[in-house]
Amino acid sequence: MTSNKNNDDEKGSKQNMMGAGIAIGVGVGVAIGSSMDNIGAGIAIGLAIGIAIGSTLQNKNKSKNKDD
């Protein structure tokens, strides 16, 4: 029972990290797009940046949990 709960918590944490990264990236993308007068391209760039940030946060969290 407890192993399933731990897996669910880890899965939720991964999704939260990826979501946070995407949110930050889209915010940055809107700022970039606004300065370039092309919001669509800015959001696409920001989404890519956000996925990279989310993946990095997720991997940091995973390595931190391995040490525990």
PDB file of N, CA and C in Angstrom:
ATOM      1  N   MET A   1       0.814  -1.202   0.000  1.00  0.00           N
ATOM      2  CA  MET A   1       0.000   0.000   0.000  1.00  0.00           C
ATOM      3  C   MET A   1       0.853   1.260   0.000  1.00  0.00           C
ATOM      4  N   THR A   2       1.845   1.314   0.867  1.00  0.00           N
ATOM      5  CA  THR A   2       2.643   2.535   0.962  1.00  0.00           C
ATOM      6  C   THR A   2       3.472   2.769  -0.292  1.00  0.00           C
ATOM      7  N   SER A   3       3.891   1.696  -0.963  1.00  0.00           N
ATOM      8  CA  SER A   3       4.689   1.881  -2.178  1.00  0.00           C
ATOM      9  C   SER A   3       3.857   2.549  -3.270  1.00  0.00           C
ATOM     10  N   ASN A   4       2.573   2.210  -3.358  1.00  0.00           N
ATOM     11  CA  ASN A   4       1.708   2.864  -4.337  1.00  0.00           C
ATOM     12  C   ASN A   4       1.541   4.340  -4.022  1.00  0.00           C
ATOM     13  N   LYS A   5       1.408   4.654  -2.738  1.00  0.00           N
ATOM     14  CA  LYS A   5       1.263   6.055  -2.355  1.00  0.00           C
ATOM     15  C   LYS A   5       2.532   6.830  -2.689  1.00  0.00           C
ATOM     16  N   ASN A   6       3.698   6.252  -2.446  1.00  0.00           N
ATOM     17  CA  ASN A   6       4.956   6.907  -2.779  1.00  0.00           C
ATOM     18  C   ASN A   6       5.075   7.121  -4.271  1.00  0.00           C
ATOM     19  N   ASN A   7       4.661   6.145  -5.070  1.00  0.00           N
ATOM     20  CA  ASN A   7       4.700   6.293  -6.524  1.00  0.00           C
ATOM     21  C   ASN A   7       3.763   7.396  -6.984  1.00  0.00           C
ATOM     22  N   ASP A   8       2.575   7.477  -6.373  1.00  0.00           N
ATOM     23  CA  ASP A   8       1.625   8.530  -6.727  1.00  0.00           C
ATOM     24  C   ASP A   8       2.173   9.901  -6.374  1.00  0.00           C
ATOM     25  N   ASP A   9       2.815  10.021  -5.206  1.00  0.00           N
ATOM     26  CA  ASP A   9       3.404  11.297  -4.791  1.00  0.00           C
ATOM     27  C   ASP A   9       4.516  11.707  -5.737  1.00  0.00           C
ATOM     28  N   GLU A  10       5.344  10.742  -6.144  1.00  0.00           N
ATOM     29  CA  GLU A  10       6.450  11.039  -7.064  1.00  0.00           C
ATOM     30  C   GLU A  10       5.904  11.466  -8.424  1.00  0.00           C
ATOM     31  N   LYS A  11       4.855  10.800  -8.886  1.00  0.00           N
ATOM     32  CA  LYS A  11       4.262  11.153 -10.179  1.00  0.00           C
ATOM     33  C   LYS A  11       3.665  12.556 -10.124  1.00  0.00           C
ATOM     34  N   GLY A  12       2.988  12.887  -9.048  1.00  0.00           N
ATOM     35  CA  GLY A  12       2.418  14.215  -8.879  1.00  0.00           C
ATOM     36  C   GLY A  12       3.489  15.287  -8.827  1.00  0.00           C
ATOM     37  N   SER A  13       4.582  14.981  -8.169  1.00  0.00           N
ATOM     38  CA  SER A  13       5.691  15.933  -8.075  1.00  0.00           C
ATOM     39  C   SER A  13       6.304  16.185  -9.447  1.00  0.00           C
ATOM     40  N   LYS A  14       6.454  15.134 -10.249  1.00  0.00           N
ATOM     41  CA  LYS A  14       6.998  15.285 -11.598  1.00  0.00           C
ATOM     42  C   LYS A  14       6.098  16.171 -12.441  1.00  0.00           C
ATOM     43  N   GLN A  15       4.793  15.944 -12.337  1.00  0.00           N
ATOM     44  CA  GLN A  15       3.850  16.748 -13.113  1.00  0.00           C
ATOM     45  C   GLN A  15       3.875  18.197 -12.647  1.00  0.00           C
ATOM     46  N   ASN A  16       4.002  18.429 -11.341  1.00  0.00           N
ATOM     47  CA  ASN A  16       4.052  19.792 -10.831  1.00  0.00           C
ATOM     48  C   ASN A  16       5.288  20.517 -11.318  1.00  0.00           C
ATOM     49  N   MET A  17       6.439  19.830 -11.346  1.00  0.00           N
ATOM     50  CA  MET A  17       7.679  20.449 -11.803  1.00  0.00           C
ATOM     51  C   MET A  17       7.589  20.798 -13.281  1.00  0.00           C
ATOM     52  N   MET A  18       7.040  19.893 -14.078  1.00  0.00           N
ATOM     53  CA  MET A  18       6.918  20.144 -15.508  1.00  0.00           C
ATOM     54  C   MET A  18       5.920  21.285 -15.749  1.00  0.00           C
ATOM     55  N   GLY A  19       4.827  21.282 -15.011  1.00  0.00           N
ATOM     56  CA  GLY A  19       3.841  22.356 -15.148  1.00  0.00           C
ATOM     57  C   GLY A  19       4.402  23.709 -14.764  1.00  0.00           C
ATOM     58  N   ALA A  20       5.185  23.730 -13.698  1.00  0.00           N
ATOM     59  CA  ALA A  20       5.802  24.989 -13.267  1.00  0.00           C
ATOM     60  C   ALA A  20       6.784  25.489 -14.311  1.00  0.00           C
ATOM     61  N   GLY A  21       7.568  24.584 -14.870  1.00  0.00           N
ATOM     62  CA  GLY A  21       8.526  24.968 -15.908  1.00  0.00           C
ATOM     63  C   GLY A  21       7.843  25.507 -17.155  1.00  0.00           C
ATOM     64  N   ILE A  22       6.765  24.856 -17.557  1.00  0.00           N
ATOM     65  CA  ILE A  22       6.026  25.312 -18.738  1.00  0.00           C
ATOM     66  C   ILE A  22       5.400  26.676 -18.471  1.00  0.00           C
ATOM     67  N   ALA A  23       4.854  26.876 -17.284  1.00  0.00           N
ATOM     68  CA  ALA A  23       4.249  28.172 -16.951  1.00  0.00           C
ATOM     69  C   ALA A  23       5.282  29.292 -16.994  1.00  0.00           C
ATOM     70  N   ILE A  24       6.451  29.032 -16.422  1.00  0.00           N
ATOM     71  CA  ILE A  24       7.522  30.037 -16.453  1.00  0.00           C
ATOM     72  C   ILE A  24       7.949  30.298 -17.889  1.00  0.00           C
ATOM     73  N   GLY A  25       8.113  29.236 -18.663  1.00  0.00           N
ATOM     74  CA  GLY A  25       8.539  29.368 -20.055  1.00  0.00           C
ATOM     75  C   GLY A  25       7.554  30.134 -20.912  1.00  0.00           C
ATOM     76  N   VAL A  26       6.277  29.867 -20.735  1.00  0.00           N
ATOM     77  CA  VAL A  26       5.260  30.579 -21.519  1.00  0.00           C
ATOM     78  C   VAL A  26       5.260  32.056 -21.140  1.00  0.00           C
ATOM     79  N   GLY A  27       5.442  32.354 -19.866  1.00  0.00           N
ATOM     80  CA  GLY A  27       5.537  33.752 -19.439  1.00  0.00           C
ATOM     81  C   GLY A  27       6.708  34.459 -20.093  1.00  0.00           C
ATOM     82  N   VAL A  28       7.853  33.790 -20.105  1.00  0.00           N
ATOM     83  CA  VAL A  28       9.034  34.351 -20.774  1.00  0.00           C
ATOM     84  C   VAL A  28       8.769  34.473 -22.279  1.00  0.00           C
ATOM     85  N   GLY A  29       8.117  33.470 -22.852  1.00  0.00           N
ATOM     86  CA  GLY A  29       7.802  33.487 -24.285  1.00  0.00           C
ATOM     87  C   GLY A  29       6.886  34.627 -24.667  1.00  0.00           C
ATOM     88  N   VAL A  30       5.921  34.923 -23.838  1.00  0.00           N
ATOM     89  CA  VAL A  30       5.021  36.051 -24.121  1.00  0.00           C
ATOM     90  C   VAL A  30       5.808  37.362 -24.096  1.00  0.00           C
ATOM     91  N   ALA A  31       6.726  37.475 -23.145  1.00  0.00           N
ATOM     92  CA  ALA A  31       7.556  38.683 -23.085  1.00  0.00           C
ATOM     93  C   ALA A  31       8.430  38.796 -24.335  1.00  0.00           C
ATOM     94  N   ILE A  32       9.032  37.687 -24.748  1.00  0.00           N
ATOM     95  CA  ILE A  32       9.861  37.686 -25.963  1.00  0.00           C
ATOM     96  C   ILE A  32       9.003  38.006 -27.181  1.00  0.00           C
ATOM     97  N   GLY A  33       7.857  37.353 -27.280  1.00  0.00           N
ATOM     98  CA  GLY A  33       6.962  37.579 -28.415  1.00  0.00           C
ATOM     99  C   GLY A  33       6.438  39.000 -28.474  1.00  0.00           C
ATOM    100  N   SER A  34       6.169  39.566 -27.318  1.00  0.00           N
ATOM    101  CA  SER A  34       5.699  40.936 -27.271  1.00  0.00           C
ATOM    102  C   SER A  34       6.770  41.901 -27.765  1.00  0.00           C
ATOM    103  N   SER A  35       8.010  41.630 -27.400  1.00  0.00           N
ATOM    104  CA  SER A  35       9.090  42.511 -27.857  1.00  0.00           C
ATOM    105  C   SER A  35       9.380  42.329 -29.339  1.00  0.00           C
ATOM    106  N   MET A  36       9.090  41.136 -29.881  1.00  0.00           N
ATOM    107  CA  MET A  36       9.313  40.869 -31.312  1.00  0.00           C
ATOM    108  C   MET A  36       8.072  41.174 -32.150  1.00  0.00           C
ATOM    109  N   ASP A  37       6.978  41.566 -31.514  1.00  0.00           N
ATOM    110  CA  ASP A  37       5.691  41.774 -32.181  1.00  0.00           C
ATOM    111  C   ASP A  37       5.182  40.509 -32.861  1.00  0.00           C
ATOM    112  N   ASN A  38       5.457  39.358 -32.248  1.00  0.00           N
ATOM    113  CA  ASN A  38       4.972  38.085 -32.765  1.00  0.00           C
ATOM    114  C   ASN A  38       4.723  37.160 -31.576  1.00  0.00           C
ATOM    115  N   ILE A  39       3.537  37.278 -30.996  1.00  0.00           N
ATOM    116  CA  ILE A  39       3.209  36.525 -29.785  1.00  0.00           C
ATOM    117  C   ILE A  39       3.235  35.019 -30.053  1.00  0.00           C
ATOM    118  N   GLY A  40       2.765  34.595 -31.209  1.00  0.00           N
ATOM    119  CA  GLY A  40       2.728  33.162 -31.524  1.00  0.00           C
ATOM    120  C   GLY A  40       4.105  32.529 -31.491  1.00  0.00           C
ATOM    121  N   ALA A  41       5.068  33.160 -32.111  1.00  0.00           N
ATOM    122  CA  ALA A  41       6.431  32.637 -32.103  1.00  0.00           C
ATOM    123  C   ALA A  41       7.006  32.690 -30.694  1.00  0.00           C
ATOM    124  N   GLY A  42       6.707  33.735 -29.959  1.00  0.00           N
ATOM    125  CA  GLY A  42       7.209  33.867 -28.592  1.00  0.00           C
ATOM    126  C   GLY A  42       6.684  32.773 -27.692  1.00  0.00           C
ATOM    127  N   ILE A  43       5.393  32.441 -27.833  1.00  0.00           N
ATOM    128  CA  ILE A  43       4.818  31.374 -27.016  1.00  0.00           C
ATOM    129  C   ILE A  43       5.460  30.034 -27.364  1.00  0.00           C
ATOM    130  N   ALA A  44       5.695  29.788 -28.654  1.00  0.00           N
ATOM    131  CA  ALA A  44       6.350  28.538 -29.064  1.00  0.00           C
ATOM    132  C   ALA A  44       7.767  28.456 -28.485  1.00  0.00           C
ATOM    133  N   ILE A  45       8.503  29.539 -28.554  1.00  0.00           N
ATOM    134  CA  ILE A  45       9.853  29.575 -27.985  1.00  0.00           C
ATOM    135  C   ILE A  45       9.775  29.386 -26.469  1.00  0.00           C
ATOM    136  N   GLY A  46       8.841  30.073 -25.828  1.00  0.00           N
ATOM    137  CA  GLY A  46       8.674  29.955 -24.385  1.00  0.00           C
ATOM    138  C   GLY A  46       8.275  28.555 -23.951  1.00  0.00           C
ATOM    139  N   LEU A  47       7.449  27.890 -24.736  1.00  0.00           N
ATOM    140  CA  LEU A  47       7.051  26.525 -24.422  1.00  0.00           C
ATOM    141  C   LEU A  47       8.267  25.601 -24.451  1.00  0.00           C
ATOM    142  N   ALA A  48       9.121  25.766 -25.447  1.00  0.00           N
ATOM    143  CA  ALA A  48      10.347  24.962 -25.517  1.00  0.00           C
ATOM    144  C   ALA A  48      11.256  25.250 -24.317  1.00  0.00           C
ATOM    145  N   ILE A  49      11.383  26.516 -23.970  1.00  0.00           N
ATOM    146  CA  ILE A  49      12.182  26.889 -22.800  1.00  0.00           C
ATOM    147  C   ILE A  49      11.562  26.281 -21.531  1.00  0.00           C
ATOM    148  N   GLY A  50      10.245  26.335 -21.437  1.00  0.00           N
ATOM    149  CA  GLY A  50       9.546  25.795 -20.272  1.00  0.00           C
ATOM    150  C   GLY A  50       9.704  24.298 -20.122  1.00  0.00           C
ATOM    151  N   ILE A  51       9.671  23.576 -21.226  1.00  0.00           N
ATOM    152  CA  ILE A  51       9.874  22.125 -21.163  1.00  0.00           C
ATOM    153  C   ILE A  51      11.287  21.822 -20.690  1.00  0.00           C
ATOM    154  N   ALA A  52      12.246  22.600 -21.157  1.00  0.00           N
ATOM    155  CA  ALA A  52      13.630  22.407 -20.714  1.00  0.00           C
ATOM    156  C   ALA A  52      13.765  22.698 -19.220  1.00  0.00           C
ATOM    157  N   ILE A  53      13.150  23.778 -18.757  1.00  0.00           N
ATOM    158  CA  ILE A  53      13.207  24.125 -17.332  1.00  0.00           C
ATOM    159  C   ILE A  53      12.513  23.049 -16.500  1.00  0.00           C
ATOM    160  N   GLY A  54      11.346  22.617 -16.928  1.00  0.00           N
ATOM    161  CA  GLY A  54      10.608  21.579 -16.205  1.00  0.00           C
ATOM    162  C   GLY A  54      11.366  20.270 -16.143  1.00  0.00           C
ATOM    163  N   SER A  55      11.995  19.902 -17.222  1.00  0.00           N
ATOM    164  CA  SER A  55      12.789  18.678 -17.247  1.00  0.00           C
ATOM    165  C   SER A  55      13.977  18.776 -16.301  1.00  0.00           C
ATOM    166  N   THR A  56      14.625  19.930 -16.287  1.00  0.00           N
ATOM    167  CA  THR A  56      15.754  20.137 -15.382  1.00  0.00           C
ATOM    168  C   THR A  56      15.304  20.052 -13.925  1.00  0.00           C
ATOM    169  N   LEU A  57      14.210  20.700 -13.590  1.00  0.00           N
ATOM    170  CA  LEU A  57      13.694  20.651 -12.220  1.00  0.00           C
ATOM    171  C   LEU A  57      13.302  19.230 -11.834  1.00  0.00           C
ATOM    172  N   GLN A  58      12.712  18.517 -12.779  1.00  0.00           N
ATOM    173  CA  GLN A  58      12.284  17.148 -12.538  1.00  0.00           C
ATOM    174  C   GLN A  58      13.498  16.250 -12.277  1.00  0.00           C
ATOM    175  N   ASN A  59      14.552  16.405 -13.060  1.00  0.00           N
ATOM    176  CA  ASN A  59      15.751  15.594 -12.868  1.00  0.00           C
ATOM    177  C   ASN A  59      16.458  15.930 -11.569  1.00  0.00           C
ATOM    178  N   LYS A  60      16.479  17.213 -11.188  1.00  0.00           N
ATOM    179  CA  LYS A  60      17.071  17.592  -9.904  1.00  0.00           C
ATOM    180  C   LYS A  60      16.305  16.947  -8.761  1.00  0.00           C
ATOM    181  N   ASN A  61      14.980  16.953  -8.865  1.00  0.00           N
ATOM    182  CA  ASN A  61      14.136  16.369  -7.828  1.00  0.00           C
ATOM    183  C   ASN A  61      14.360  14.860  -7.763  1.00  0.00           C
ATOM    184  N   LYS A  62      14.499  14.225  -8.920  1.00  0.00           N
ATOM    185  CA  LYS A  62      14.706  12.781  -8.963  1.00  0.00           C
ATOM    186  C   LYS A  62      16.044  12.410  -8.331  1.00  0.00           C
ATOM    187  N   SER A  63      17.112  13.153  -8.652  1.00  0.00           N
ATOM    188  CA  SER A  63      18.415  12.847  -8.083  1.00  0.00           C
ATOM    189  C   SER A  63      18.451  13.133  -6.587  1.00  0.00           C
ATOM    190  N   LYS A  64      17.709  14.146  -6.137  1.00  0.00           N
ATOM    191  CA  LYS A  64      17.645  14.456  -4.718  1.00  0.00           C
ATOM    192  C   LYS A  64      16.953  13.308  -3.971  1.00  0.00           C
ATOM    193  N   ASN A  65      15.892  12.742  -4.570  1.00  0.00           N
ATOM    194  CA  ASN A  65      15.176  11.642  -3.939  1.00  0.00           C
ATOM    195  C   ASN A  65      16.009  10.362  -3.906  1.00  0.00           C
ATOM    196  N   LYS A  66      16.903  10.167  -4.873  1.00  0.00           N
ATOM    197  CA  LYS A  66      17.769   8.983  -4.870  1.00  0.00           C
ATOM    198  C   LYS A  66      18.751   9.038  -3.710  1.00  0.00           C
ATOM    199  N   ASP A  67      19.218  10.221  -3.363  1.00  0.00           N
ATOM    200  CA  ASP A  67      20.178  10.367  -2.272  1.00  0.00           C
ATOM    201  C   ASP A  67      19.554  10.066  -0.913  1.00  0.00           C
ATOM    202  N   ASP A  68      18.235  10.276  -0.806  1.00  0.00           N
ATOM    203  CA  ASP A  68      17.552  10.063   0.492  1.00  0.00           C
ATOM    204  C   ASP A  68      17.396   8.620   0.780  1.00  0.00           C
TER     205      ASP A  68
END
